[in-house]
Amino acid sequence: MEDKSESVITLVIIDDEPIVGRRLKQVFTKMGYKVEIFTNPLEAVKYMENNPFDIVVTDFKMEEIDGMEVLRRAKELNPDSRVIIITGYAKPETAKEAFKSGVFDFMVKPFRLEELKNAVNRAAEAQ
């Protein structure tokens, strides 16, 4: 059996702004994560259906499907995954619904990179 503490944690990042994904990939790859980035949430879900993943960082407001649907699908595919939603459109009821649905963290843009790094590290420790 594989020792989970020795395995690399796979982080899936979904943001419809390519620059965000590229920047976060650099940061989290340097921190030792395996990072997959997507601008299309449906492509990300397809990836998650066919590949193991541990943590998902997803934008909330996107074309095709939103962050809540990404959260639902990620939890169906891997109930132990940790999902962090980032959004520029925060309403208290949205955050409340996200936490009821099992989101690990909910961050409002603009957030500091340190905040996201801390959230991802906490999610990795919770794995």
C-alpha atoms as a PDB file:
ATOM      1  CA  MET A   1       0.000   0.000   0.000  1.00  0.00           C
ATOM      2  CA  GLU A   2       1.263   3.442  -0.895  1.00  0.00           C
ATOM      3  CA  ASP A   3       2.292   5.680   1.989  1.00  0.00           C
ATOM      4  CA  LYS A   4       0.126   8.779   1.586  1.00  0.00           C
ATOM      5  CA  SER A   5       2.659  11.000   3.360  1.00  0.00           C
ATOM      6  CA  GLU A   6       5.242  10.175   0.673  1.00  0.00           C
ATOM      7  CA  SER A   7       2.975  10.712  -2.326  1.00  0.00           C
ATOM      8  CA  VAL A   8       2.781  13.980  -4.203  1.00  0.00           C
ATOM      9  CA  ILE A   9      -0.485  15.834  -3.741  1.00  0.00           C
ATOM     10  CA  THR A  10      -2.272  16.670  -6.984  1.00  0.00           C
ATOM     11  CA  LEU A  11      -3.798  20.115  -7.149  1.00  0.00           C
ATOM     12  CA  VAL A  12      -6.340  20.963  -9.870  1.00  0.00           C
ATOM     13  CA  ILE A  13      -6.706  24.694 -10.520  1.00  0.00           C
ATOM     14  CA  ILE A  14      -9.673  25.986 -12.534  1.00  0.00           C
ATOM     15  CA  ASP A  15      -9.900  29.652 -13.458  1.00  0.00           C
ATOM     16  CA  ASP A  16     -11.201  31.106 -16.702  1.00  0.00           C
ATOM     17  CA  GLU A  17      -8.377  33.668 -16.645  1.00  0.00           C
ATOM     18  CA  PRO A  18      -5.278  31.849 -18.028  1.00  0.00           C
ATOM     19  CA  ILE A  19      -2.865  34.189 -16.227  1.00  0.00           C
ATOM     20  CA  VAL A  20      -4.280  33.137 -12.842  1.00  0.00           C
ATOM     21  CA  GLY A  21      -3.748  29.443 -13.558  1.00  0.00           C
ATOM     22  CA  ARG A  22      -0.219  29.968 -14.887  1.00  0.00           C
ATOM     23  CA  ARG A  23       0.796  32.069 -11.887  1.00  0.00           C
ATOM     24  CA  LEU A  24      -0.665  29.631  -9.360  1.00  0.00           C
ATOM     25  CA  LYS A  25       0.924  26.678 -11.167  1.00  0.00           C
ATOM     26  CA  GLN A  26       4.364  28.278 -10.743  1.00  0.00           C
ATOM     27  CA  VAL A  27       3.785  28.944  -7.050  1.00  0.00           C
ATOM     28  CA  PHE A  28       2.372  25.542  -6.116  1.00  0.00           C
ATOM     29  CA  THR A  29       4.794  23.534  -8.275  1.00  0.00           C
ATOM     30  CA  LYS A  30       7.659  25.219  -6.395  1.00  0.00           C
ATOM     31  CA  MET A  31       5.940  24.169  -3.151  1.00  0.00           C
ATOM     32  CA  GLY A  32       6.070  20.522  -4.263  1.00  0.00           C
ATOM     33  CA  TYR A  33       2.538  19.964  -5.546  1.00  0.00           C
ATOM     34  CA  LYS A  34       1.674  18.312  -8.857  1.00  0.00           C
ATOM     35  CA  VAL A  35      -0.433  21.002 -10.524  1.00  0.00           C
ATOM     36  CA  GLU A  36      -2.921  20.707 -13.387  1.00  0.00           C
ATOM     37  CA  ILE A  37      -4.493  23.931 -14.653  1.00  0.00           C
ATOM     38  CA  PHE A  38      -7.686  24.421 -16.637  1.00  0.00           C
ATOM     39  CA  THR A  39      -9.552  27.432 -17.990  1.00  0.00           C
ATOM     40  CA  ASN A  40     -12.560  25.274 -18.891  1.00  0.00           C
ATOM     41  CA  PRO A  41     -14.326  23.658 -15.920  1.00  0.00           C
ATOM     42  CA  LEU A  42     -15.788  20.838 -18.033  1.00  0.00           C
ATOM     43  CA  GLU A  43     -12.297  19.841 -19.187  1.00  0.00           C
ATOM     44  CA  ALA A  44     -11.192  19.898 -15.546  1.00  0.00           C
ATOM     45  CA  VAL A  45     -14.062  17.593 -14.562  1.00  0.00           C
ATOM     46  CA  LYS A  46     -13.164  15.243 -17.425  1.00  0.00           C
ATOM     47  CA  TYR A  47      -9.572  15.192 -16.128  1.00  0.00           C
ATOM     48  CA  MET A  48     -10.803  14.445 -12.591  1.00  0.00           C
ATOM     49  CA  GLU A  49     -12.940  11.573 -13.884  1.00  0.00           C
ATOM     50  CA  ASN A  50      -9.839   9.878 -15.290  1.00  0.00           C
ATOM     51  CA  ASN A  51      -7.012  10.913 -12.941  1.00  0.00           C
ATOM     52  CA  PRO A  52      -6.442  10.942  -9.201  1.00  0.00           C
ATOM     53  CA  PHE A  53      -6.615  14.383  -7.547  1.00  0.00           C
ATOM     54  CA  ASP A  54      -6.516  15.645  -3.974  1.00  0.00           C
ATOM     55  CA  ILE A  55      -7.258  19.361  -3.933  1.00  0.00           C
ATOM     56  CA  VAL A  56      -9.285  21.555  -6.288  1.00  0.00           C
ATOM     57  CA  VAL A  57      -8.998  25.345  -6.386  1.00  0.00           C
ATOM     58  CA  THR A  58     -11.815  26.664  -8.537  1.00  0.00           C
ATOM     59  CA  ASP A  59     -13.133  30.034  -9.533  1.00  0.00           C
ATOM     60  CA  PHE A  60     -16.809  30.438  -8.694  1.00  0.00           C
ATOM     61  CA  LYS A  61     -18.213  32.302 -11.694  1.00  0.00           C
ATOM     62  CA  MET A  62     -17.344  30.642 -15.019  1.00  0.00           C
ATOM     63  CA  GLU A  63     -19.004  29.726 -18.314  1.00  0.00           C
ATOM     64  CA  GLU A  64     -20.460  26.201 -18.692  1.00  0.00           C
ATOM     65  CA  ILE A  65     -20.596  25.272 -14.979  1.00  0.00           C
ATOM     66  CA  ASP A  66     -19.905  27.263 -11.823  1.00  0.00           C
ATOM     67  CA  GLY A  67     -17.715  26.534  -8.836  1.00  0.00           C
ATOM     68  CA  MET A  68     -20.580  24.953  -6.902  1.00  0.00           C
ATOM     69  CA  GLU A  69     -21.081  22.373  -9.658  1.00  0.00           C
ATOM     70  CA  VAL A  70     -17.318  21.733  -9.762  1.00  0.00           C
ATOM     71  CA  LEU A  71     -17.490  21.189  -5.983  1.00  0.00           C
ATOM     72  CA  ARG A  72     -20.376  18.705  -6.326  1.00  0.00           C
ATOM     73  CA  ARG A  73     -18.666  16.741  -9.093  1.00  0.00           C
ATOM     74  CA  ALA A  74     -15.268  16.695  -7.339  1.00  0.00           C
ATOM     75  CA  LYS A  75     -16.899  15.350  -4.160  1.00  0.00           C
ATOM     76  CA  GLU A  76     -18.744  12.667  -6.162  1.00  0.00           C
ATOM     77  CA  LEU A  77     -15.505  11.560  -7.829  1.00  0.00           C
ATOM     78  CA  ASN A  78     -13.349  11.768  -4.693  1.00  0.00           C
ATOM     79  CA  PRO A  79     -15.226  12.258  -1.410  1.00  0.00           C
ATOM     80  CA  ASP A  80     -11.891  12.870   0.359  1.00  0.00           C
ATOM     81  CA  SER A  81     -10.880  15.710  -1.950  1.00  0.00           C
ATOM     82  CA  ARG A  82     -10.655  19.226  -0.592  1.00  0.00           C
ATOM     83  CA  VAL A  83     -12.206  22.007  -2.672  1.00  0.00           C
ATOM     84  CA  ILE A  84     -11.370  25.693  -2.302  1.00  0.00           C
ATOM     85  CA  ILE A  85     -13.605  28.190  -4.104  1.00  0.00           C
ATOM     86  CA  ILE A  86     -12.264  31.620  -5.036  1.00  0.00           C
ATOM     87  CA  THR A  87     -14.672  34.318  -6.144  1.00  0.00           C
ATOM     88  CA  GLY A  88     -15.053  37.970  -6.912  1.00  0.00           C
ATOM     89  CA  TYR A  89     -18.815  37.618  -6.473  1.00  0.00           C
ATOM     90  CA  ALA A  90     -19.199  36.767  -2.825  1.00  0.00           C
ATOM     91  CA  LYS A  91     -22.601  36.819  -1.232  1.00  0.00           C
ATOM     92  CA  PRO A  92     -23.084  35.430   2.282  1.00  0.00           C
ATOM     93  CA  GLU A  93     -25.680  32.929   1.021  1.00  0.00           C
ATOM     94  CA  THR A  94     -23.244  31.660  -1.629  1.00  0.00           C
ATOM     95  CA  ALA A  95     -20.572  30.991   0.990  1.00  0.00           C
ATOM     96  CA  LYS A  96     -23.161  29.360   3.262  1.00  0.00           C
ATOM     97  CA  GLU A  97     -24.343  27.053   0.466  1.00  0.00           C
ATOM     98  CA  ALA A  98     -20.732  26.191  -0.400  1.00  0.00           C
ATOM     99  CA  PHE A  99     -19.913  25.204   3.187  1.00  0.00           C
ATOM    100  CA  LYS A 100     -23.121  23.139   3.406  1.00  0.00           C
ATOM    101  CA  SER A 101     -21.997  21.343   0.238  1.00  0.00           C
ATOM    102  CA  GLY A 102     -18.603  20.498   1.712  1.00  0.00           C
ATOM    103  CA  VAL A 103     -16.260  23.230   0.480  1.00  0.00           C
ATOM    104  CA  PHE A 104     -12.966  23.282   2.403  1.00  0.00           C
ATOM    105  CA  ASP A 105     -12.481  27.041   2.100  1.00  0.00           C
ATOM    106  CA  PHE A 106     -14.163  29.976   0.376  1.00  0.00           C
ATOM    107  CA  MET A 107     -11.984  32.971  -0.530  1.00  0.00           C
ATOM    108  CA  VAL A 108     -13.014  36.356  -1.843  1.00  0.00           C
ATOM    109  CA  LYS A 109     -10.952  38.029  -4.586  1.00  0.00           C
ATOM    110  CA  PRO A 110      -8.748  39.883  -4.309  1.00  0.00           C
ATOM    111  CA  PHE A 111      -7.059  37.637  -1.781  1.00  0.00           C
ATOM    112  CA  ARG A 112      -3.423  37.576  -0.783  1.00  0.00           C
ATOM    113  CA  LEU A 113      -1.396  34.736  -2.281  1.00  0.00           C
ATOM    114  CA  GLU A 114      -0.271  33.818   1.245  1.00  0.00           C
ATOM    115  CA  GLU A 115      -3.917  33.196   2.212  1.00  0.00           C
ATOM    116  CA  LEU A 116      -4.388  30.763  -0.673  1.00  0.00           C
ATOM    117  CA  LYS A 117      -1.061  29.039   0.045  1.00  0.00           C
ATOM    118  CA  ASN A 118      -2.125  28.581   3.673  1.00  0.00           C
ATOM    119  CA  ALA A 119      -5.523  27.200   2.629  1.00  0.00           C
ATOM    120  CA  VAL A 120      -3.924  24.717   0.209  1.00  0.00           C
ATOM    121  CA  ASN A 121      -1.391  23.623   2.826  1.00  0.00           C
ATOM    122  CA  ARG A 122      -4.205  23.112   5.370  1.00  0.00           C
ATOM    123  CA  ALA A 123      -6.137  21.100   2.768  1.00  0.00           C
ATOM    124  CA  ALA A 124      -3.031  18.963   2.098  1.00  0.00           C
ATOM    125  CA  GLU A 125      -2.567  18.315   5.830  1.00  0.00           C
ATOM    126  CA  ALA A 126      -6.231  17.292   6.062  1.00  0.00           C
ATOM    127  CA  GLN A 127      -5.721  14.637   3.355  1.00  0.00           C
END
